[in-house]
Structures are given as C-alpha cells and as structure tokens.
Amino acid sequence: MRLNEIGEFGLIKRFQKKIKNDSSVIKGSGDDCAVLKWDRLNYQLFTTDMIIEGIDFKKNTDLWLVGRKSLGISISDIAACAGIPQQAVVALGLPKNMQVNQIDRLAKGIFDLAKKFNINIVGGDISAANELIINVSMLGMVEKSKLCLRQGAKIGDLIMVTGEFGESIKGKHLKFTPRIKESRFLADHFKINAMIDVSDGLLQDLGHILKQSSVGAVIYESLIPLSAQADNPEDALCSGEEFELLFSASRDQANKIIKSSKYRFRVIGEIMPKSFGLRLVNFKNKYSKLLNQGYCAEARTGFSDKAGYGHF
C-alpha cells in the first residue's frame, strides 16, 4: 500500500495506534496542540509545523512571507487552544546554492512575527536539503479554565468563525494574522465549547470538531463570510490554510459574543445530533448532505493541497 492510497488521515490513524503517553500528557495526538501538565493553574501547549518549497509555497515567493508563515502556522495552533505562544525552535533545511541574503530575508520574516507576538526564538537546527524546508516547534501556556479543544461541542451550540473565507490561494496563506487576540478575548469573556483553526478547510476542520465531539452540524452557505477574492462558494467551504478560528458556543454565549463590539464574529450554523451528519443549506435553501472529505475533493484550491499533510 502506498501513501497516496492510504491518505493523510489513514496515515495519522496508523501513527495514533502506536502512541502511548504517560500521565504528564493531558491531550496528545488529535488536536491542534498537545496539552501537557504544568502547574496548579496552567497547562503547557506544544505544537510543531513544517512547510516545504513547492508544496506550501512557490520557489519565487518572497522569503520574508515564507518565514512569517512558518512561525504563524504554529501561533495559529496555540490560538486554537486559547493559549499564549511563548517559545519556539526553528529547524531549516537549506539548499547549498541558496544565497545568504535570501536566508537573511527568511530569518527576518520569522523574527518580525516573533517580535509582534512576544515569542522567544530559543534555538534550532540547520541541515542541507534539496528544497527549502522550515520546521517550527512551539511552546505556549493556557489557563486550565480557558483551554479549548476540538472536543466539547454540544447539540444546540451555534457555530461561529472569525474573518472571511476563500482567499487562501490568492495569498492569504502567506499573509494571515494568527488570531491570538480574538482567541484570548473569547476565552477571557465567554465559554467556548470547542475550537479549531481552519488549516485543512472550513468543512474539513468542522468535521474534526464533529468527530471529536460525536455530534453533527448544519451550516448555511448564505451565512459564510465570503472573501471578495473568492471565485465561488466552494472556495470558502474547501480551501485550506485560511487560519481563521472556527468554534462553537451555546446560543446564550453566542448572542453575547455577537453583541461584543471588540471583534467581529459570525454565526454560520448550528451543532446537531450525530445522526444528522454534516449538512449544508445552500443559497436555494435546500439541504445537501456532505461527506466530510469527499465533498471538497474537486473543489479545494489551497496551495498546500498538493500534499496536504497535517498534525497527528
């Protein structure tokens, strides 16, 4: 059996069967971050992400944007758990003919975003490679009372998002701002039942929440905030690397969130019983049952879909 036959999630399941953790691990494989014991009030968050030339960015992409993206992806993972990013190590695979000023440009993108989010770059590793590869591992912290995971969505919750969707392939996957401020605002003032950042695509990542929470959902195409850069509604539903927050909260909490004026959060659907599955109400107000992975097989447009592998 080849990798392209088993697929990303089949491979992840194979790894997960082999993973055994001790009591220091609160949450291991299967979420945006690993959650580790720390002290009486806090958990430590731990995540890692890799990007590769030709898969996650093009050869002629501004390396400042590439460096920025490499760190931003892990910051977005910390945001999905309502945490605060703190330290990171950076591993680089560098082609031998790469110009030093290009490496400087890459490093500037990393350090500029680290400065913006008060993240300490505490070390890393360098190796020769055929293409440019950047891997970031990041630590963060979250109060036990504020931790958000993919599990926890409840029937009757409203499904909400930050930002707009469908712009990833037009450049958002390089220029996004991780939603740390929005995440912390939500955790500080409201009860969020489940949360994820949209890296695989809106439908795919909602599917992760539904699976972890053993529930179903209905989303309304007319309520999804569509970017002016999106070519069609499928872009908003299926494109990866949006790095917006997707979360659920009770109707009461959702109403309070909507009334809060600090940030703009939009309702796009509702959590339903598991037997309902995942359904879309289209612009013609008709239900369409969705297959979590199959619906987007032809529609997805995110640059990283060439390989599209993610966390395990």
Protein backbone atom coordinates (compact mmCIF):
# COMPACT_ATOMS: atom_id res chain seq x y z
CA MET A 1 0.00 0.00 0.00
CA ARG A 2 1.30 3.44 -0.98
CA LEU A 3 0.89 6.74 0.85
CA ASN A 4 -1.37 8.16 -1.86
CA GLU A 5 -3.69 5.18 -1.34
CA ILE A 6 -3.98 5.36 2.44
CA GLY A 7 -4.19 9.17 2.52
CA GLU A 8 -3.30 11.73 5.20
CA PHE A 9 -5.86 10.67 7.77
CA GLY A 10 -5.27 6.97 7.23
CA LEU A 11 -1.58 7.55 7.93
CA ILE A 12 -2.38 9.60 11.03
CA LYS A 13 -4.51 6.75 12.37
CA ARG A 14 -1.62 4.33 11.90
CA PHE A 15 0.65 6.60 13.95
CA GLN A 16 -2.00 7.13 16.63
CA LYS A 17 -2.32 3.38 17.22
CA LYS A 18 1.36 3.28 18.20
CA ILE A 19 1.35 6.29 20.53
CA LYS A 20 1.32 5.60 24.28
CA ASN A 21 1.53 8.52 26.72
CA ASP A 22 2.01 8.76 30.47
CA SER A 23 0.05 10.91 32.93
CA SER A 24 2.07 14.04 32.09
CA VAL A 25 0.07 14.30 28.85
CA ILE A 26 -3.42 15.76 29.23
CA LYS A 27 -4.17 15.69 25.50
CA GLY A 28 -1.88 14.12 22.94
CA SER A 29 -2.47 13.28 19.30
CA GLY A 30 -5.65 14.53 17.66
CA ASP A 31 -5.84 18.25 18.43
CA ASP A 32 -4.14 21.48 17.38
CA CYS A 33 -1.66 21.26 20.26
CA ALA A 34 -0.51 18.67 22.73
CA VAL A 35 -1.61 19.69 26.23
CA LEU A 36 0.90 18.93 29.00
CA LYS A 37 0.81 19.20 32.79
CA TRP A 38 2.48 22.34 34.11
CA ASP A 39 1.25 23.70 37.45
CA ARG A 40 -1.90 24.06 39.53
CA LEU A 41 -3.47 26.73 37.31
CA ASN A 42 -1.93 26.25 33.85
CA TYR A 43 -1.24 23.77 31.09
CA GLN A 44 1.68 23.88 28.69
CA LEU A 45 0.88 23.73 24.97
CA PHE A 46 3.22 22.12 22.45
CA THR A 47 2.89 22.12 18.65
CA THR A 48 5.01 21.70 15.52
CA ASP A 49 4.57 22.53 11.84
CA MET A 50 6.64 22.04 8.69
CA ILE A 51 6.47 23.86 5.36
CA ILE A 52 8.26 22.80 2.17
CA GLU A 53 9.16 24.62 -1.03
CA GLY A 54 6.94 23.55 -3.92
CA ILE A 55 4.26 22.27 -1.53
CA ASP A 56 3.43 25.13 0.85
CA PHE A 57 4.99 27.98 -1.08
CA LYS A 58 6.39 28.57 -4.54
CA LYS A 59 10.07 28.87 -5.38
CA ASN A 60 9.76 32.57 -6.25
CA THR A 61 7.76 33.52 -3.13
CA ASP A 62 9.12 36.41 -1.06
CA LEU A 63 11.12 34.64 1.66
CA TRP A 64 10.05 37.20 4.25
CA LEU A 65 6.50 35.91 3.75
CA VAL A 66 7.72 32.31 3.88
CA GLY A 67 9.48 32.91 7.19
CA ARG A 68 6.45 34.68 8.56
CA LYS A 69 4.18 31.83 7.53
CA SER A 70 6.43 29.17 9.06
CA LEU A 71 6.04 30.74 12.51
CA GLY A 72 2.45 31.91 12.02
CA ILE A 73 1.09 28.40 11.50
CA SER A 74 2.24 27.31 14.95
CA ILE A 75 0.98 30.54 16.53
CA SER A 76 -2.41 29.77 14.98
CA ASP A 77 -2.36 26.31 16.62
CA ILE A 78 -1.78 27.95 20.01
CA ALA A 79 -4.66 30.34 19.29
CA ALA A 80 -6.96 27.39 18.56
CA CYS A 81 -6.39 26.20 22.14
CA ALA A 82 -6.91 29.73 23.55
CA GLY A 83 -3.28 29.89 24.66
CA ILE A 84 -0.41 32.36 24.59
CA PRO A 85 2.66 31.46 22.47
CA GLN A 86 5.95 31.77 24.32
CA GLN A 87 9.00 29.95 22.89
CA ALA A 88 9.95 28.38 19.58
CA VAL A 89 12.80 26.47 17.96
CA VAL A 90 13.31 26.64 14.20
CA ALA A 91 14.85 23.89 12.05
CA LEU A 92 15.93 24.79 8.50
CA GLY A 93 16.68 22.54 5.53
CA LEU A 94 18.66 24.75 3.15
CA PRO A 95 19.79 24.13 -0.45
CA LYS A 96 23.58 24.52 -0.72
CA ASN A 97 23.30 27.09 -3.52
CA MET A 98 20.94 29.35 -1.56
CA GLN A 99 22.17 32.95 -1.25
CA VAL A 100 22.94 34.15 2.28
CA ASN A 101 20.88 37.30 1.75
CA GLN A 102 17.91 35.06 0.93
CA ILE A 103 18.40 33.24 4.23
CA ASP A 104 18.57 36.62 5.97
CA ARG A 105 15.26 37.58 4.34
CA LEU A 106 13.70 34.31 5.55
CA ALA A 107 15.00 34.87 9.08
CA LYS A 108 13.65 38.43 9.11
CA GLY A 109 10.14 37.13 8.41
CA ILE A 110 10.45 34.73 11.33
CA PHE A 111 11.89 37.27 13.76
CA ASP A 112 9.48 40.06 12.78
CA LEU A 113 6.44 37.92 13.58
CA ALA A 114 8.09 36.56 16.74
CA LYS A 115 8.57 40.14 17.93
CA LYS A 116 4.94 41.01 17.21
CA PHE A 117 3.71 38.14 19.39
CA ASN A 118 6.46 38.33 22.05
CA ILE A 119 7.81 34.88 21.17
CA ASN A 120 11.35 33.88 22.12
CA ILE A 121 13.27 32.02 19.41
CA VAL A 122 15.42 29.85 21.65
CA GLY A 123 17.37 27.75 19.15
CA GLY A 124 17.05 25.37 16.24
CA ASP A 125 18.88 23.24 13.69
CA ILE A 126 20.27 23.58 10.17
CA SER A 127 20.71 20.84 7.57
CA ALA A 128 21.39 20.57 3.86
CA ALA A 129 18.31 19.84 1.72
CA ASN A 130 17.29 19.72 -1.92
CA GLU A 131 14.48 22.24 -1.34
CA LEU A 132 13.89 24.84 1.34
CA ILE A 133 12.25 23.28 4.42
CA ILE A 134 11.28 25.08 7.63
CA ASN A 135 10.03 23.31 10.74
CA VAL A 136 8.88 25.23 13.81
CA SER A 137 8.17 23.70 17.21
CA MET A 138 6.45 25.99 19.69
CA LEU A 139 5.56 26.07 23.37
CA GLY A 140 2.72 28.08 24.86
CA MET A 141 0.70 28.37 28.02
CA VAL A 142 -3.02 28.36 28.76
CA GLU A 143 -5.01 28.61 31.98
CA LYS A 144 -6.76 25.34 32.78
CA SER A 145 -10.10 27.16 32.93
CA LYS A 146 -9.64 28.60 29.42
CA LEU A 147 -8.32 25.62 27.45
CA CYS A 148 -10.25 24.97 24.23
CA LEU A 149 -10.04 21.69 22.31
CA ARG A 150 -11.80 20.22 19.29
CA GLN A 151 -13.94 18.08 21.57
CA GLY A 152 -16.74 19.63 23.61
CA ALA A 153 -19.24 20.91 21.03
CA LYS A 154 -22.80 20.39 22.28
CA ILE A 155 -26.11 19.94 20.48
CA GLY A 156 -27.71 23.36 20.11
CA ASP A 157 -24.41 25.25 20.03
CA LEU A 158 -24.05 27.89 17.36
CA ILE A 159 -21.06 27.53 15.03
CA MET A 160 -19.05 30.73 14.63
CA VAL A 161 -15.98 31.99 12.77
CA THR A 162 -13.58 34.87 12.60
CA GLY A 163 -12.65 36.58 9.34
CA GLU A 164 -13.57 35.74 5.75
CA PHE A 165 -13.04 32.62 3.65
CA GLY A 166 -11.98 31.70 0.13
CA GLU A 167 -8.88 33.90 -0.17
CA SER A 168 -6.16 31.42 0.71
CA ILE A 169 -4.93 30.65 -2.80
CA LYS A 170 -4.89 34.40 -3.59
CA GLY A 171 -2.22 34.97 -0.95
CA LYS A 172 -3.87 34.76 2.46
CA HIS A 173 -1.96 31.56 3.24
CA LEU A 174 1.17 33.75 3.33
CA LYS A 175 -0.22 36.98 4.81
CA PHE A 176 -2.66 35.85 7.51
CA THR A 177 -2.50 37.19 11.06
CA PRO A 178 -2.85 34.45 13.71
CA ARG A 179 -5.98 35.08 15.77
CA ILE A 180 -4.36 35.17 19.21
CA LYS A 181 -6.11 38.40 20.26
CA GLU A 182 -9.54 37.11 19.20
CA SER A 183 -8.93 33.74 20.84
CA ARG A 184 -7.89 35.26 24.15
CA PHE A 185 -10.82 37.68 24.05
CA LEU A 186 -13.20 34.76 23.65
CA ALA A 187 -11.55 32.73 26.41
CA ASP A 188 -11.41 35.69 28.79
CA HIS A 189 -15.08 36.66 28.48
CA PHE A 190 -17.11 33.68 27.24
CA LYS A 191 -17.50 29.91 27.50
CA ILE A 192 -16.29 28.34 24.25
CA ASN A 193 -17.16 24.65 23.97
CA ALA A 194 -14.91 23.63 21.05
CA MET A 195 -12.44 25.41 18.79
CA ILE A 196 -10.05 24.74 15.90
CA ASP A 197 -8.10 26.85 13.43
CA VAL A 198 -9.01 26.43 9.78
CA SER A 199 -5.94 24.93 8.13
CA ASP A 200 -7.43 21.96 6.24
CA GLY A 201 -10.54 23.83 5.04
CA LEU A 202 -13.76 25.01 6.67
CA LEU A 203 -15.71 21.79 6.08
CA GLN A 204 -12.78 19.51 6.85
CA ASP A 205 -11.96 21.26 10.12
CA LEU A 206 -15.59 21.41 11.17
CA GLY A 207 -15.57 17.67 10.52
CA HIS A 208 -12.71 17.32 13.04
CA ILE A 209 -14.80 19.05 15.71
CA LEU A 210 -17.84 16.89 14.89
CA LYS A 211 -15.83 13.68 15.11
CA GLN A 212 -14.11 14.59 18.37
CA SER A 213 -17.40 15.79 19.90
CA SER A 214 -19.64 12.98 18.49
CA VAL A 215 -22.16 15.42 17.03
CA GLY A 216 -23.47 16.59 13.65
CA ALA A 217 -23.99 20.05 12.20
CA VAL A 218 -25.83 22.21 9.71
CA ILE A 219 -24.14 25.19 8.09
CA TYR A 220 -25.75 27.85 5.94
CA GLU A 221 -23.97 28.82 2.75
CA SER A 222 -25.52 32.30 2.85
CA LEU A 223 -24.02 32.98 6.29
CA ILE A 224 -20.43 32.04 5.48
CA PRO A 225 -18.39 35.27 5.15
CA LEU A 226 -17.06 35.09 1.61
CA SER A 227 -13.89 36.97 0.75
CA ALA A 228 -14.03 39.35 -2.19
CA GLN A 229 -11.09 37.33 -3.55
CA ALA A 230 -13.03 34.04 -3.58
CA ASP A 231 -14.02 32.77 -7.03
CA ASN A 232 -17.04 30.80 -5.78
CA PRO A 233 -18.67 29.50 -2.55
CA GLU A 234 -16.69 26.24 -2.80
CA ASP A 235 -13.52 28.26 -2.21
CA ALA A 236 -14.88 29.36 1.15
CA LEU A 237 -16.01 25.85 2.09
CA CYS A 238 -12.99 23.93 0.94
CA SER A 239 -9.81 25.96 0.60
CA GLY A 240 -7.18 25.20 3.20
CA GLU A 241 -4.81 27.49 5.10
CA GLU A 242 -7.29 30.23 5.98
CA PHE A 243 -6.05 30.20 9.61
CA GLU A 244 -9.29 31.66 10.94
CA LEU A 245 -10.91 30.38 14.14
CA LEU A 246 -13.89 28.03 13.92
CA PHE A 247 -15.67 27.46 17.23
CA SER A 248 -18.94 26.56 18.93
CA ALA A 249 -20.70 28.12 21.91
CA SER A 250 -24.15 27.86 23.47
CA ARG A 251 -26.83 30.08 21.97
CA ASP A 252 -26.74 32.32 25.03
CA GLN A 253 -22.97 32.73 24.87
CA ALA A 254 -23.07 33.20 21.08
CA ASN A 255 -25.58 36.03 21.42
CA LYS A 256 -23.30 37.74 23.92
CA ILE A 257 -20.32 37.24 21.62
CA ILE A 258 -22.19 38.82 18.70
CA LYS A 259 -23.11 41.84 20.83
CA SER A 260 -19.49 42.36 21.86
CA SER A 261 -18.06 45.12 19.70
CA LYS A 262 -14.32 44.46 20.10
CA TYR A 263 -14.07 41.90 17.26
CA ARG A 264 -16.40 40.65 14.56
CA PHE A 265 -17.58 37.06 14.93
CA ARG A 266 -20.16 35.50 12.62
CA VAL A 267 -22.60 32.61 13.08
CA ILE A 268 -22.56 30.14 10.19
CA GLY A 269 -24.52 27.18 11.55
CA GLU A 270 -25.62 25.01 14.46
CA ILE A 271 -24.47 21.80 16.16
CA MET A 272 -26.96 18.96 15.65
CA PRO A 273 -27.25 15.32 16.84
CA LYS A 274 -24.65 12.94 15.43
CA SER A 275 -27.29 11.11 13.38
CA PHE A 276 -27.94 14.33 11.43
CA GLY A 277 -24.47 14.19 9.90
CA LEU A 278 -22.99 17.31 8.33
CA ARG A 279 -25.39 19.17 6.06
CA LEU A 280 -25.21 22.35 4.06
CA VAL A 281 -28.20 24.59 3.42
CA ASN A 282 -27.40 26.15 0.08
CA PHE A 283 -28.38 29.52 -1.33
CA LYS A 284 -31.63 27.97 -2.60
CA ASN A 285 -32.47 26.99 1.00
CA LYS A 286 -32.14 23.26 0.22
CA TYR A 287 -30.31 20.67 2.33
CA SER A 288 -27.36 18.82 0.90
CA LYS A 289 -25.76 16.07 2.95
CA LEU A 290 -21.99 16.42 2.94
CA LEU A 291 -19.27 13.84 3.12
CA ASN A 292 -16.61 15.34 5.36
CA GLN A 293 -13.77 14.58 2.94
CA GLY A 294 -15.42 13.74 -0.37
CA TYR A 295 -17.34 16.98 -0.95
CA CYS A 296 -14.19 19.03 -1.33
CA ALA A 297 -12.12 16.55 -3.33
CA GLU A 298 -12.52 18.52 -6.56
CA ALA A 299 -13.25 21.97 -5.14
CA ARG A 300 -10.31 22.61 -2.82
CA THR A 301 -7.88 25.27 -4.01
CA GLY A 302 -5.38 25.83 -1.17
CA PHE A 303 -1.77 25.78 -2.42
CA SER A 304 -0.81 23.12 0.12
CA ASP A 305 -3.37 20.65 -1.26
CA LYS A 306 -0.60 19.28 -3.50
CA ALA A 307 0.40 17.25 -0.43
CA GLY A 308 -1.83 18.48 2.34
CA TYR A 309 -0.49 16.51 5.29
CA GLY A 310 -1.17 17.76 8.81
CA HIS A 311 -0.85 17.09 12.52
CA PHE A 312 -1.08 13.68 14.09
